[in-house]
PDB file of N, CA and C in Angstrom:
ATOM      1  N   MET A   1       2.389   7.797  21.344  1.00  0.00           N
ATOM      2  CA  MET A   1       0.979   7.746  21.618  1.00  0.00           C
ATOM      3  C   MET A   1       0.402   6.401  21.175  1.00  0.00           C
ATOM      4  N   VAL A   2       0.804   5.954  19.972  1.00  0.00           N
ATOM      5  CA  VAL A   2       0.294   4.679  19.453  1.00  0.00           C
ATOM      6  C   VAL A   2       0.709   3.522  20.343  1.00  0.00           C
ATOM      7  N   SER A   3       1.954   3.516  20.770  1.00  0.00           N
ATOM      8  CA  SER A   3       2.414   2.419  21.621  1.00  0.00           C
ATOM      9  C   SER A   3       1.684   2.424  22.955  1.00  0.00           C
ATOM     10  N   GLY A   4       1.297   3.583  23.453  1.00  0.00           N
ATOM     11  CA  GLY A   4       0.517   3.668  24.682  1.00  0.00           C
ATOM     12  C   GLY A   4      -0.889   3.110  24.513  1.00  0.00           C
ATOM     13  N   LEU A   5      -1.497   3.364  23.357  1.00  0.00           N
ATOM     14  CA  LEU A   5      -2.851   2.850  23.086  1.00  0.00           C
ATOM     15  C   LEU A   5      -2.848   1.343  22.879  1.00  0.00           C
ATOM     16  N   ASN A   6      -1.756   0.812  22.328  1.00  0.00           N
ATOM     17  CA  ASN A   6      -1.677  -0.622  22.032  1.00  0.00           C
ATOM     18  C   ASN A   6      -0.840  -1.391  23.044  1.00  0.00           C
ATOM     19  N   LYS A   7      -0.611  -0.816  24.204  1.00  0.00           N
ATOM     20  CA  LYS A   7       0.275  -1.434  25.201  1.00  0.00           C
ATOM     21  C   LYS A   7      -0.217  -2.813  25.636  1.00  0.00           C
ATOM     22  N   GLN A   8      -1.514  -3.015  25.798  1.00  0.00           N
ATOM     23  CA  GLN A   8      -2.054  -4.263  26.310  1.00  0.00           C
ATOM     24  C   GLN A   8      -2.560  -5.180  25.195  1.00  0.00           C
ATOM     25  N   THR A   9      -2.301  -4.823  23.964  1.00  0.00           N
ATOM     26  CA  THR A   9      -2.794  -5.599  22.830  1.00  0.00           C
ATOM     27  C   THR A   9      -1.715  -6.520  22.300  1.00  0.00           C
ATOM     28  N   ASP A  10      -2.085  -7.768  22.055  1.00  0.00           N
ATOM     29  CA  ASP A  10      -1.131  -8.700  21.446  1.00  0.00           C
ATOM     30  C   ASP A  10      -1.709  -9.353  20.195  1.00  0.00           C
ATOM     31  N   VAL A  11      -2.848  -8.835  19.706  1.00  0.00           N
ATOM     32  CA  VAL A  11      -3.475  -9.341  18.481  1.00  0.00           C
ATOM     33  C   VAL A  11      -3.537  -8.200  17.474  1.00  0.00           C
ATOM     34  N   PHE A  12      -2.980  -8.449  16.289  1.00  0.00           N
ATOM     35  CA  PHE A  12      -2.954  -7.431  15.242  1.00  0.00           C
ATOM     36  C   PHE A  12      -3.400  -8.038  13.914  1.00  0.00           C
ATOM     37  N   ALA A  13      -3.889  -7.201  13.015  1.00  0.00           N
ATOM     38  CA  ALA A  13      -4.256  -7.622  11.662  1.00  0.00           C
ATOM     39  C   ALA A  13      -3.314  -6.936  10.680  1.00  0.00           C
ATOM     40  N   ILE A  14      -2.866  -7.684   9.684  1.00  0.00           N
ATOM     41  CA  ILE A  14      -1.977  -7.154   8.646  1.00  0.00           C
ATOM     42  C   ILE A  14      -2.732  -7.186   7.333  1.00  0.00           C
ATOM     43  N   ASP A  15      -2.684  -6.090   6.590  1.00  0.00           N
ATOM     44  CA  ASP A  15      -3.410  -6.030   5.322  1.00  0.00           C
ATOM     45  C   ASP A  15      -2.675  -5.105   4.359  1.00  0.00           C
ATOM     46  N   SER A  16      -2.956  -5.272   3.086  1.00  0.00           N
ATOM     47  CA  SER A  16      -2.416  -4.372   2.073  1.00  0.00           C
ATOM     48  C   SER A  16      -3.543  -3.974   1.136  1.00  0.00           C
ATOM     49  N   MET A  17      -3.407  -2.789   0.553  1.00  0.00           N
ATOM     50  CA  MET A  17      -4.420  -2.314  -0.388  1.00  0.00           C
ATOM     51  C   MET A  17      -3.744  -1.528  -1.501  1.00  0.00           C
ATOM     52  N   PRO A  18      -4.353  -1.541  -2.689  1.00  0.00           N
ATOM     53  CA  PRO A  18      -3.750  -0.811  -3.806  1.00  0.00           C
ATOM     54  C   PRO A  18      -3.969   0.689  -3.676  1.00  0.00           C
ATOM     55  N   LEU A  19      -2.980   1.454  -4.093  1.00  0.00           N
ATOM     56  CA  LEU A  19      -3.084   2.905  -4.207  1.00  0.00           C
ATOM     57  C   LEU A  19      -2.865   3.241  -5.677  1.00  0.00           C
ATOM     58  N   GLU A  20      -3.947   3.253  -6.411  1.00  0.00           N
ATOM     59  CA  GLU A  20      -3.877   3.444  -7.863  1.00  0.00           C
ATOM     60  C   GLU A  20      -3.603   4.908  -8.193  1.00  0.00           C
ATOM     61  N   ILE A  21      -2.586   5.143  -9.015  1.00  0.00           N
ATOM     62  CA  ILE A  21      -2.233   6.502  -9.434  1.00  0.00           C
ATOM     63  C   ILE A  21      -3.016   6.893 -10.683  1.00  0.00           C
ATOM     64  N   CYS A  22      -3.045   6.001 -11.653  1.00  0.00           N
ATOM     65  CA  CYS A  22      -3.781   6.249 -12.883  1.00  0.00           C
ATOM     66  C   CYS A  22      -4.139   4.908 -13.519  1.00  0.00           C
ATOM     67  N   SER A  23      -4.961   4.948 -14.545  1.00  0.00           N
ATOM     68  CA  SER A  23      -5.334   3.707 -15.221  1.00  0.00           C
ATOM     69  C   SER A  23      -4.149   3.184 -16.028  1.00  0.00           C
ATOM     70  N   LEU A  24      -4.187   1.900 -16.340  1.00  0.00           N
ATOM     71  CA  LEU A  24      -3.077   1.292 -17.086  1.00  0.00           C
ATOM     72  C   LEU A  24      -2.889   1.926 -18.461  1.00  0.00           C
ATOM     73  N   SER A  25      -3.970   2.416 -19.066  1.00  0.00           N
ATOM     74  CA  SER A  25      -3.852   3.025 -20.391  1.00  0.00           C
ATOM     75  C   SER A  25      -3.074   4.347 -20.346  1.00  0.00           C
ATOM     76  N   ARG A  26      -2.984   4.991 -19.193  1.00  0.00           N
ATOM     77  CA  ARG A  26      -2.249   6.257 -19.063  1.00  0.00           C
ATOM     78  C   ARG A  26      -0.879   6.095 -18.426  1.00  0.00           C
ATOM     79  N   GLU A  27      -0.491   4.877 -18.174  1.00  0.00           N
ATOM     80  CA  GLU A  27       0.765   4.601 -17.474  1.00  0.00           C
ATOM     81  C   GLU A  27       1.984   5.229 -18.161  1.00  0.00           C
ATOM     82  N   GLN A  28       2.080   5.170 -19.461  1.00  0.00           N
ATOM     83  CA  GLN A  28       3.242   5.693 -20.183  1.00  0.00           C
ATOM     84  C   GLN A  28       3.331   7.219 -20.112  1.00  0.00           C
ATOM     85  N   ARG A  29       2.185   7.891 -19.999  1.00  0.00           N
ATOM     86  CA  ARG A  29       2.169   9.356 -19.938  1.00  0.00           C
ATOM     87  C   ARG A  29       2.314   9.891 -18.523  1.00  0.00           C
ATOM     88  N   ASN A  30       2.186   9.037 -17.536  1.00  0.00           N
ATOM     89  CA  ASN A  30       2.252   9.458 -16.147  1.00  0.00           C
ATOM     90  C   ASN A  30       3.676   9.847 -15.763  1.00  0.00           C
ATOM     91  N   LYS A  31       3.822  10.958 -15.034  1.00  0.00           N
ATOM     92  CA  LYS A  31       5.137  11.415 -14.591  1.00  0.00           C
ATOM     93  C   LYS A  31       5.262  11.387 -13.062  1.00  0.00           C
ATOM     94  N   THR A  32       4.197  11.028 -12.370  1.00  0.00           N
ATOM     95  CA  THR A  32       4.188  11.024 -10.911  1.00  0.00           C
ATOM     96  C   THR A  32       5.118   9.958 -10.347  1.00  0.00           C
ATOM     97  N   GLY A  33       6.044  10.348  -9.509  1.00  0.00           N
ATOM     98  CA  GLY A  33       6.921   9.416  -8.827  1.00  0.00           C
ATOM     99  C   GLY A  33       8.037   8.811  -9.653  1.00  0.00           C
ATOM    100  N   LYS A  34       8.242   9.266 -10.868  1.00  0.00           N
ATOM    101  CA  LYS A  34       9.256   8.653 -11.731  1.00  0.00           C
ATOM    102  C   LYS A  34      10.623   9.337 -11.648  1.00  0.00           C
ATOM    103  N   GLU A  35      10.830  10.168 -10.630  1.00  0.00           N
ATOM    104  CA  GLU A  35      12.124  10.842 -10.481  1.00  0.00           C
ATOM    105  C   GLU A  35      13.224   9.836 -10.166  1.00  0.00           C
ATOM    106  N   SER A  36      12.874   8.763  -9.472  1.00  0.00           N
ATOM    107  CA  SER A  36      13.844   7.742  -9.081  1.00  0.00           C
ATOM    108  C   SER A  36      13.298   6.367  -9.462  1.00  0.00           C
ATOM    109  N   ALA A  37      14.117   5.549 -10.082  1.00  0.00           N
ATOM    110  CA  ALA A  37      13.665   4.208 -10.481  1.00  0.00           C
ATOM    111  C   ALA A  37      13.331   3.347  -9.270  1.00  0.00           C
ATOM    112  N   HIS A  38      14.011   3.611  -8.155  1.00  0.00           N
ATOM    113  CA  HIS A  38      13.780   2.841  -6.926  1.00  0.00           C
ATOM    114  C   HIS A  38      12.404   3.138  -6.314  1.00  0.00           C
ATOM    115  N   HIS A  39      11.901   4.369  -6.470  1.00  0.00           N
ATOM    116  CA  HIS A  39      10.641   4.778  -5.865  1.00  0.00           C
ATOM    117  C   HIS A  39       9.504   4.930  -6.876  1.00  0.00           C
ATOM    118  N   SER A  40       9.721   4.575  -8.110  1.00  0.00           N
ATOM    119  CA  SER A  40       8.698   4.782  -9.137  1.00  0.00           C
ATOM    120  C   SER A  40       7.539   3.798  -8.979  1.00  0.00           C
ATOM    121  N   PRO A  41       6.334   4.180  -9.406  1.00  0.00           N
ATOM    122  CA  PRO A  41       5.186   3.272  -9.343  1.00  0.00           C
ATOM    123  C   PRO A  41       5.369   2.083 -10.274  1.00  0.00           C
ATOM    124  N   ASP A  42       4.511   1.094 -10.132  1.00  0.00           N
ATOM    125  CA  ASP A  42       4.650  -0.156 -10.865  1.00  0.00           C
ATOM    126  C   ASP A  42       3.261  -0.734 -11.143  1.00  0.00           C
ATOM    127  N   LYS A  43       3.200  -1.717 -12.043  1.00  0.00           N
ATOM    128  CA  LYS A  43       1.954  -2.431 -12.279  1.00  0.00           C
ATOM    129  C   LYS A  43       1.770  -3.487 -11.200  1.00  0.00           C
ATOM    130  N   GLY A  44       0.527  -3.670 -10.785  1.00  0.00           N
ATOM    131  CA  GLY A  44       0.234  -4.684  -9.785  1.00  0.00           C
ATOM    132  C   GLY A  44      -1.138  -5.280 -10.017  1.00  0.00           C
ATOM    133  N   TYR A  45      -1.463  -6.310  -9.257  1.00  0.00           N
ATOM    134  CA  TYR A  45      -2.755  -6.973  -9.377  1.00  0.00           C
ATOM    135  C   TYR A  45      -3.430  -6.994  -8.009  1.00  0.00           C
ATOM    136  N   CYS A  46      -4.690  -6.614  -7.967  1.00  0.00           N
ATOM    137  CA  CYS A  46      -5.483  -6.662  -6.745  1.00  0.00           C
ATOM    138  C   CYS A  46      -6.452  -7.834  -6.868  1.00  0.00           C
ATOM    139  N   ALA A  47      -6.231  -8.898  -6.094  1.00  0.00           N
ATOM    140  CA  ALA A  47      -7.051 -10.106  -6.192  1.00  0.00           C
ATOM    141  C   ALA A  47      -8.476  -9.869  -5.717  1.00  0.00           C
ATOM    142  N   SER A  48      -8.666  -9.029  -4.706  1.00  0.00           N
ATOM    143  CA  SER A  48     -10.017  -8.809  -4.196  1.00  0.00           C
ATOM    144  C   SER A  48     -10.887  -8.049  -5.204  1.00  0.00           C
ATOM    145  N   GLN A  49     -10.283  -7.152  -5.978  1.00  0.00           N
ATOM    146  CA  GLN A  49     -11.024  -6.409  -6.998  1.00  0.00           C
ATOM    147  C   GLN A  49     -10.904  -7.053  -8.372  1.00  0.00           C
ATOM    148  N   LYS A  50     -10.048  -8.076  -8.473  1.00  0.00           N
ATOM    149  CA  LYS A  50      -9.804  -8.809  -9.720  1.00  0.00           C
ATOM    150  C   LYS A  50      -9.454  -7.876 -10.872  1.00  0.00           C
ATOM    151  N   LYS A  51      -8.477  -6.996 -10.632  1.00  0.00           N
ATOM    152  CA  LYS A  51      -8.048  -6.081 -11.690  1.00  0.00           C
ATOM    153  C   LYS A  51      -6.592  -5.678 -11.496  1.00  0.00           C
ATOM    154  N   TYR A  52      -5.976  -5.302 -12.600  1.00  0.00           N
ATOM    155  CA  TYR A  52      -4.619  -4.785 -12.585  1.00  0.00           C
ATOM    156  C   TYR A  52      -4.691  -3.278 -12.369  1.00  0.00           C
ATOM    157  N   PHE A  53      -3.656  -2.736 -11.749  1.00  0.00           N
ATOM    158  CA  PHE A  53      -3.625  -1.302 -11.505  1.00  0.00           C
ATOM    159  C   PHE A  53      -2.190  -0.808 -11.616  1.00  0.00           C
ATOM    160  N   TYR A  54      -2.022   0.499 -11.666  1.00  0.00           N
ATOM    161  CA  TYR A  54      -0.714   1.131 -11.758  1.00  0.00           C
ATOM    162  C   TYR A  54      -0.557   2.068 -10.570  1.00  0.00           C
ATOM    163  N   GLY A  55       0.433   1.822  -9.738  1.00  0.00           N
ATOM    164  CA  GLY A  55       0.647   2.675  -8.578  1.00  0.00           C
ATOM    165  C   GLY A  55       1.492   2.003  -7.525  1.00  0.00           C
ATOM    166  N   TYR A  56       1.020   2.047  -6.295  1.00  0.00           N
ATOM    167  CA  TYR A  56       1.731   1.524  -5.138  1.00  0.00           C
ATOM    168  C   TYR A  56       0.812   0.614  -4.338  1.00  0.00           C
ATOM    169  N   LYS A  57       1.387  -0.049  -3.329  1.00  0.00           N
ATOM    170  CA  LYS A  57       0.613  -0.811  -2.357  1.00  0.00           C
ATOM    171  C   LYS A  57       0.898  -0.250  -0.979  1.00  0.00           C
ATOM    172  N   SER A  58      -0.147  -0.137  -0.171  1.00  0.00           N
ATOM    173  CA  SER A  58      -0.014   0.283   1.215  1.00  0.00           C
ATOM    174  C   SER A  58      -0.145  -0.950   2.098  1.00  0.00           C
ATOM    175  N   HIS A  59       0.852  -1.219   2.916  1.00  0.00           N
ATOM    176  CA  HIS A  59       0.841  -2.354   3.837  1.00  0.00           C
ATOM    177  C   HIS A  59       0.738  -1.779   5.250  1.00  0.00           C
ATOM    178  N   SER A  60      -0.252  -2.225   6.021  1.00  0.00           N
ATOM    179  CA  SER A  60      -0.422  -1.678   7.361  1.00  0.00           C
ATOM    180  C   SER A  60      -0.736  -2.765   8.381  1.00  0.00           C
ATOM    181  N   VAL A  61      -0.433  -2.444   9.630  1.00  0.00           N
ATOM    182  CA  VAL A  61      -0.705  -3.318  10.767  1.00  0.00           C
ATOM    183  C   VAL A  61      -1.664  -2.552  11.673  1.00  0.00           C
ATOM    184  N   CYS A  62      -2.782  -3.188  12.026  1.00  0.00           N
ATOM    185  CA  CYS A  62      -3.821  -2.535  12.806  1.00  0.00           C
ATOM    186  C   CYS A  62      -4.163  -3.381  14.031  1.00  0.00           C
ATOM    187  N   SER A  63      -4.356  -2.732  15.176  1.00  0.00           N
ATOM    188  CA  SER A  63      -4.742  -3.458  16.388  1.00  0.00           C
ATOM    189  C   SER A  63      -6.238  -3.734  16.369  1.00  0.00           C
ATOM    190  N   VAL A  64      -6.697  -4.562  17.275  1.00  0.00           N
ATOM    191  CA  VAL A  64      -8.118  -4.899  17.378  1.00  0.00           C
ATOM    192  C   VAL A  64      -8.943  -3.650  17.696  1.00  0.00           C
ATOM    193  N   SER A  65      -8.360  -2.709  18.415  1.00  0.00           N
ATOM    194  CA  SER A  65      -9.078  -1.479  18.762  1.00  0.00           C
ATOM    195  C   SER A  65      -9.106  -0.466  17.618  1.00  0.00           C
ATOM    196  N   GLY A  66      -8.451  -0.779  16.493  1.00  0.00           N
ATOM    197  CA  GLY A  66      -8.493   0.077  15.311  1.00  0.00           C
ATOM    198  C   GLY A  66      -7.359   1.072  15.184  1.00  0.00           C
ATOM    199  N   VAL A  67      -6.337   0.948  16.008  1.00  0.00           N
ATOM    200  CA  VAL A  67      -5.190   1.854  15.956  1.00  0.00           C
ATOM    201  C   VAL A  67      -4.168   1.290  14.974  1.00  0.00           C
ATOM    202  N   ILE A  68      -3.788   2.100  13.981  1.00  0.00           N
ATOM    203  CA  ILE A  68      -2.810   1.657  12.980  1.00  0.00           C
ATOM    204  C   ILE A  68      -1.408   1.804  13.563  1.00  0.00           C
ATOM    205  N   GLU A  69      -0.670   0.733  13.577  1.00  0.00           N
ATOM    206  CA  GLU A  69       0.727   0.729  14.046  1.00  0.00           C
ATOM    207  C   GLU A  69       1.597   1.185  12.875  1.00  0.00           C
ATOM    208  N   PRO A  70       2.555   0.405  12.411  1.00  0.00           N
ATOM    209  CA  PRO A  70       3.377   0.850  11.285  1.00  0.00           C
ATOM    210  C   PRO A  70       2.664   0.636   9.947  1.00  0.00           C
ATOM    211  N   PHE A  71       3.067   1.407   8.959  1.00  0.00           N
ATOM    212  CA  PHE A  71       2.606   1.160   7.595  1.00  0.00           C
ATOM    213  C   PHE A  71       3.750   1.451   6.648  1.00  0.00           C
ATOM    214  N   ASP A  72       3.666   0.877   5.454  1.00  0.00           N
ATOM    215  CA  ASP A  72       4.740   1.012   4.481  1.00  0.00           C
ATOM    216  C   ASP A  72       4.141   1.111   3.095  1.00  0.00           C
ATOM    217  N   LEU A  73       4.773   1.866   2.221  1.00  0.00           N
ATOM    218  CA  LEU A  73       4.380   1.937   0.819  1.00  0.00           C
ATOM    219  C   LEU A  73       5.431   1.227  -0.014  1.00  0.00           C
ATOM    220  N   THR A  74       4.980   0.353  -0.914  1.00  0.00           N
ATOM    221  CA  THR A  74       5.886  -0.355  -1.806  1.00  0.00           C
ATOM    222  C   THR A  74       5.374  -0.223  -3.229  1.00  0.00           C
ATOM    223  N   LYS A  75       6.201  -0.653  -4.170  1.00  0.00           N
ATOM    224  CA  LYS A  75       5.748  -0.732  -5.552  1.00  0.00           C
ATOM    225  C   LYS A  75       4.591  -1.707  -5.639  1.00  0.00           C
ATOM    226  N   ALA A  76       3.715  -1.520  -6.601  1.00  0.00           N
ATOM    227  CA  ALA A  76       2.532  -2.388  -6.725  1.00  0.00           C
ATOM    228  C   ALA A  76       2.898  -3.837  -7.021  1.00  0.00           C
ATOM    229  N   GLY A  77       4.009  -4.076  -7.669  1.00  0.00           N
ATOM    230  CA  GLY A  77       4.411  -5.436  -8.008  1.00  0.00           C
ATOM    231  C   GLY A  77       4.984  -6.224  -6.835  1.00  0.00           C
ATOM    232  N   CYS A  78       5.211  -5.553  -5.722  1.00  0.00           N
ATOM    233  CA  CYS A  78       5.760  -6.219  -4.528  1.00  0.00           C
ATOM    234  C   CYS A  78       4.673  -7.064  -3.875  1.00  0.00           C
ATOM    235  N   THR A  79       5.012  -8.292  -3.487  1.00  0.00           N
ATOM    236  CA  THR A  79       4.004  -9.152  -2.849  1.00  0.00           C
ATOM    237  C   THR A  79       4.233  -9.285  -1.372  1.00  0.00           C
TER     238      THR A  79
END
């Protein structure tokens, strides 16, 4: 369905945003996502909000018409 909506589009925007799980002060007590070291949350920095956070980053590609193509979740420390 998405590929049908974006069939005639050749301009896309790429962006990432923080997905904060908890505040940095609670990071040591947090158990969310720590089952696997590969998928566990991480500390990161959000330049637009000028603050550090603990969680993940969402990376997405959006067409001019507002249809989101692929998206990916990474550790917050990933750039």
